[in-house]
Structure formats: C-alpha cells, structure tokens
Amino acid sequence: MRTTSPLGSRRSATVLTAAILAVGAAGCGSSDSPSAAQPSPSVSASANPDAGVIGIRDPWVKAADKGMTAAFGTLVNDGDSDVTLTSATTSVSSMELHEMAMKDGRMVMRQKQGGIVIKAKGTHALEPGGDHLMLMSLTRPVQAGDELTFTLTFADGRTQQFRAVAKPFTGAQESYAPGHGEPMPGMSATPGMSMSPAS
C-alpha cells in the first residue's frame, strides 16, 4: 500500500487549480474576435441615424381631455458641444417650445424664442412651471397610459424621436388652456399670475 505525504497532496491540488483556471480563461474568448468588435445591426448608428443627438430621461405627458397639455422630461447632452432644440411635433397636436417668464409683473407662459439649449455635458429640465413642450390644440383626448411619439428637430437639422406615456397630474390645479389664470405647480397663487400664453 502506497501513502502520500501531505506535501504531495497540496502540490497536486495547486497544479489542478492552475489547470482549471487556464482552461476557463481560454474559454472566455478575446474581445478582438470579429463578433465582439461588430455591434449588432439593431444598435448600429447607421440603422438609426437619429440615435444619440440627446438623451431623454423620464419623459411623460400630462393627460388631458381637450385643449392644451404639455410634455416633460430631462434632456441630456453627453456631447462636447451645445445642442439647440428648435421644434417638436406629434400626431395629436401642433406644438411649440414654451417657457414660463415674468411679463409686466405677471408669470406668463410663452413661446421660447431661439429654442432650448442643452449645454455640452449638461442637462435641461422640461417641467411644470418651467420650460416644456406645449401641445397646442389636441385633436383627441390624451388619456393616462397613452403613449405618444414625438419628433424633435435641432438647429443643425438633425431629428430624433422619443416616446412618452401620459399620466394624470393635478399639481396645483394648473390649466394649460388660455385665460384660466391658475398657478403652475410649485408657485403660490399670487395675484397677477396668468397661464395665458404671452403675446
């Protein structure tokens, strides 16, 4: 009968572990392989020329039965130069880029002249009480859960689509219809505040 010393058992286990690690590393493959270097057609830049202008985080639309409503979210520019959003379109309404601003001592909603600039490596919030994408005259109700497709156009002519889901939002009981005079969310109901688009 043959006996093995404790030193011999340990050495065999070390050799076996090294062999398993070498085989495992070889099985992982190299990132230089043709399949790893080529993106699939579904994510290739040529398959979707509008991809990558900007990112849009948490897009949503305020549900509304008629009249006006708005789309919100955060515009993200990961690029090295500023990007200017000049217009937006959707199938359910004409659209304008809007802002809230003081005019003659009143907070008014008005068209944003010159577009919305998203600074390089920066973000720009579209939110109730601030800049937003205004749906001017709905051709049908936008109900909670509806998904709308928007097309953004930028100053350099590029376009990009995104989808946003409608959700109910009461905020401070604001109204996007002209002449209602209700405050936007986060603003106190002070005399002289108007939700009417400014001329």
Protein backbone atom coordinates (compact mmCIF):
# COMPACT_ATOMS: atom_id res chain seq x y z
CA MET A 1 0.00 0.00 0.00
CA ARG A 2 1.29 3.41 -1.04
CA THR A 3 0.98 6.50 1.15
CA THR A 4 1.09 10.12 0.05
CA SER A 5 2.73 12.82 2.08
CA PRO A 6 0.67 15.93 2.94
CA LEU A 7 3.07 17.99 0.81
CA GLY A 8 2.34 15.84 -2.27
CA SER A 9 -1.47 16.28 -1.88
CA ARG A 10 -1.16 20.04 -1.64
CA ARG A 11 1.05 20.22 -4.71
CA SER A 12 -1.40 18.14 -6.77
CA ALA A 13 -4.29 20.41 -5.76
CA THR A 14 -2.32 23.52 -6.76
CA VAL A 15 -1.48 22.08 -10.20
CA LEU A 16 -5.14 21.04 -10.72
CA THR A 17 -6.41 24.55 -9.74
CA ALA A 18 -3.94 26.23 -12.13
CA ALA A 19 -5.06 23.94 -14.98
CA ILE A 20 -8.75 24.73 -14.35
CA LEU A 21 -8.04 28.49 -14.34
CA ALA A 22 -6.07 28.26 -17.60
CA VAL A 23 -8.88 26.35 -19.36
CA GLY A 24 -11.50 28.78 -18.02
CA ALA A 25 -9.58 31.82 -19.24
CA ALA A 26 -9.14 30.32 -22.71
CA GLY A 27 -12.88 29.60 -22.91
CA CYS A 28 -13.83 33.26 -22.30
CA GLY A 29 -12.55 34.33 -25.70
CA SER A 30 -10.93 37.56 -26.75
CA SER A 31 -12.53 40.95 -27.26
CA ASP A 32 -10.62 41.07 -30.56
CA SER A 33 -12.90 38.46 -32.09
CA PRO A 34 -14.96 39.71 -35.07
CA SER A 35 -18.29 39.03 -33.35
CA ALA A 36 -17.34 41.06 -30.28
CA ALA A 37 -15.97 44.00 -32.29
CA GLN A 38 -19.05 44.46 -34.51
CA PRO A 39 -22.25 45.88 -32.98
CA SER A 40 -25.46 44.16 -33.94
CA PRO A 41 -27.48 45.92 -36.66
CA SER A 42 -30.17 46.90 -34.15
CA VAL A 43 -27.74 49.16 -32.25
CA SER A 44 -25.62 50.34 -35.15
CA ALA A 45 -25.58 54.08 -35.78
CA SER A 46 -26.42 53.55 -39.45
CA ALA A 47 -29.55 51.57 -38.58
CA ASN A 48 -30.94 54.53 -36.60
CA PRO A 49 -29.45 57.82 -37.82
CA ASP A 50 -31.44 59.81 -35.24
CA ALA A 51 -29.96 57.99 -32.25
CA GLY A 52 -27.58 59.84 -29.98
CA VAL A 53 -28.45 63.50 -30.59
CA ILE A 54 -29.52 63.79 -26.94
CA GLY A 55 -30.85 61.50 -24.24
CA ILE A 56 -34.33 61.93 -22.78
CA ARG A 57 -34.84 60.80 -19.18
CA ASP A 58 -38.24 60.16 -17.63
CA PRO A 59 -40.40 61.59 -20.45
CA TRP A 60 -44.12 61.99 -19.72
CA VAL A 61 -47.18 63.86 -20.92
CA LYS A 62 -49.91 65.41 -18.79
CA ALA A 63 -53.17 63.60 -19.56
CA ALA A 64 -55.88 65.93 -20.88
CA ASP A 65 -59.32 65.53 -22.48
CA LYS A 66 -59.08 68.55 -24.77
CA GLY A 67 -57.38 71.87 -25.37
CA MET A 68 -53.72 72.14 -24.39
CA THR A 69 -51.30 69.96 -22.49
CA ALA A 70 -47.53 69.53 -22.26
CA ALA A 71 -44.69 67.02 -22.38
CA PHE A 72 -41.92 66.94 -19.81
CA GLY A 73 -38.66 65.12 -19.04
CA THR A 74 -34.94 65.77 -18.76
CA LEU A 75 -32.89 66.44 -21.90
CA VAL A 76 -29.36 65.05 -21.57
CA ASN A 77 -26.43 66.15 -23.77
CA ASP A 78 -23.43 63.85 -23.40
CA GLY A 79 -21.67 65.53 -26.34
CA ASP A 80 -18.82 68.02 -26.37
CA SER A 81 -20.83 70.90 -27.88
CA ASP A 82 -24.11 72.60 -27.07
CA VAL A 83 -27.27 71.35 -28.82
CA THR A 84 -30.26 73.58 -29.59
CA LEU A 85 -33.74 72.09 -29.80
CA THR A 86 -35.77 74.24 -32.22
CA SER A 87 -39.10 72.41 -32.59
CA ALA A 88 -41.16 69.37 -31.71
CA THR A 89 -44.06 67.59 -33.41
CA THR A 90 -46.57 64.88 -32.58
CA SER A 91 -49.58 63.42 -34.38
CA VAL A 92 -52.20 64.59 -31.86
CA SER A 93 -51.47 68.33 -31.84
CA SER A 94 -49.45 71.22 -33.18
CA MET A 95 -46.59 72.04 -30.83
CA GLU A 96 -44.44 74.89 -29.54
CA LEU A 97 -41.45 75.10 -27.22
CA HIS A 98 -42.64 77.06 -24.17
CA GLU A 99 -41.24 78.73 -21.10
CA MET A 100 -42.63 80.44 -18.03
CA ALA A 101 -41.44 84.03 -17.66
CA MET A 102 -42.29 87.30 -15.94
CA LYS A 103 -44.04 89.91 -18.07
CA ASP A 104 -45.45 93.15 -16.67
CA GLY A 105 -45.25 91.70 -13.16
CA ARG A 106 -47.14 88.54 -14.10
CA MET A 107 -45.91 84.97 -14.59
CA VAL A 108 -46.89 84.02 -18.13
CA MET A 109 -46.40 81.07 -20.43
CA ARG A 110 -44.92 81.99 -23.80
CA GLN A 111 -43.12 80.55 -26.79
CA LYS A 112 -39.39 80.18 -26.12
CA GLN A 113 -37.54 82.26 -28.69
CA GLY A 114 -34.33 80.77 -30.08
CA GLY A 115 -35.16 77.25 -28.92
CA ILE A 116 -33.97 75.27 -25.92
CA VAL A 117 -30.20 75.00 -25.50
CA ILE A 118 -28.85 71.84 -23.88
CA LYS A 119 -25.30 72.65 -22.81
CA ALA A 120 -22.42 70.29 -23.60
CA LYS A 121 -22.12 67.56 -20.95
CA GLY A 122 -25.24 69.02 -19.33
CA THR A 123 -28.96 68.54 -18.79
CA HIS A 124 -32.03 70.71 -19.26
CA ALA A 125 -35.25 70.02 -17.35
CA LEU A 126 -38.64 70.23 -19.03
CA GLU A 127 -41.04 70.56 -16.09
CA PRO A 128 -44.31 72.09 -14.95
CA GLY A 129 -43.62 75.72 -14.11
CA GLY A 130 -40.59 75.85 -16.41
CA ASP A 131 -39.64 75.02 -19.98
CA HIS A 132 -41.89 72.41 -21.61
CA LEU A 133 -43.07 71.02 -24.95
CA MET A 134 -46.53 72.51 -25.46
CA LEU A 135 -49.24 70.57 -27.27
CA MET A 136 -51.37 73.45 -28.51
CA SER A 137 -54.72 72.04 -29.61
CA LEU A 138 -55.42 68.36 -29.05
CA THR A 139 -57.24 66.54 -31.86
CA ARG A 140 -58.19 63.75 -29.43
CA PRO A 141 -58.04 63.13 -25.68
CA VAL A 142 -54.72 62.05 -24.23
CA GLN A 143 -55.63 59.58 -21.52
CA ALA A 144 -53.45 58.21 -18.73
CA GLY A 145 -51.46 55.29 -20.12
CA ASP A 146 -51.49 56.53 -23.73
CA GLU A 147 -48.08 56.53 -25.37
CA LEU A 148 -47.29 59.43 -27.71
CA THR A 149 -44.41 59.65 -30.17
CA PHE A 150 -42.63 62.99 -30.52
CA THR A 151 -40.13 64.14 -33.13
CA LEU A 152 -37.57 66.71 -32.05
CA THR A 153 -35.75 68.91 -34.57
CA PHE A 154 -32.42 70.53 -33.75
CA ALA A 155 -30.74 73.67 -35.09
CA ASP A 156 -28.33 71.63 -37.23
CA GLY A 157 -31.23 69.82 -38.97
CA ARG A 158 -30.92 66.52 -37.11
CA THR A 159 -34.09 64.92 -35.80
CA GLN A 160 -34.80 62.41 -33.07
CA GLN A 161 -37.91 60.57 -31.93
CA PHE A 162 -38.90 59.62 -28.41
CA ARG A 163 -41.99 58.18 -26.75
CA ALA A 164 -43.69 59.44 -23.61
CA VAL A 165 -46.52 57.94 -21.58
CA ALA A 166 -49.40 60.13 -20.42
CA LYS A 167 -50.16 60.29 -16.73
CA PRO A 168 -52.62 62.20 -14.60
CA PHE A 169 -51.09 65.22 -12.92
CA THR A 170 -53.05 67.70 -10.86
CA GLY A 171 -50.14 69.69 -9.43
CA ALA A 172 -51.52 72.98 -8.19
CA GLN A 173 -54.64 72.56 -10.34
CA GLU A 174 -52.93 74.36 -13.21
CA SER A 175 -54.57 74.59 -16.59
CA TYR A 176 -52.88 74.92 -19.94
CA ALA A 177 -55.94 76.43 -21.60
CA PRO A 178 -55.59 80.19 -22.22
CA GLY A 179 -57.23 82.56 -19.76
CA HIS A 180 -57.68 80.22 -16.79
CA GLY A 181 -55.23 82.15 -14.62
CA GLU A 182 -54.26 79.16 -12.45
CA PRO A 183 -50.75 78.91 -10.99
CA MET A 184 -48.22 76.34 -12.12
CA PRO A 185 -47.05 73.64 -9.65
CA GLY A 186 -44.58 74.93 -7.10
CA MET A 187 -45.78 78.52 -7.46
CA SER A 188 -48.01 80.26 -4.99
CA ALA A 189 -51.37 81.52 -6.14
CA THR A 190 -50.41 85.16 -6.22
CA PRO A 191 -52.39 87.95 -7.80
CA GLY A 192 -51.19 88.81 -11.28
CA MET A 193 -50.17 85.29 -12.33
CA SER A 194 -51.56 84.14 -15.66
CA MET A 195 -51.36 80.89 -17.55
CA SER A 196 -52.35 82.64 -20.76
CA PRO A 197 -49.71 82.50 -23.46
CA ALA A 198 -47.93 85.84 -23.62
CA SER A 199 -48.03 87.77 -26.86
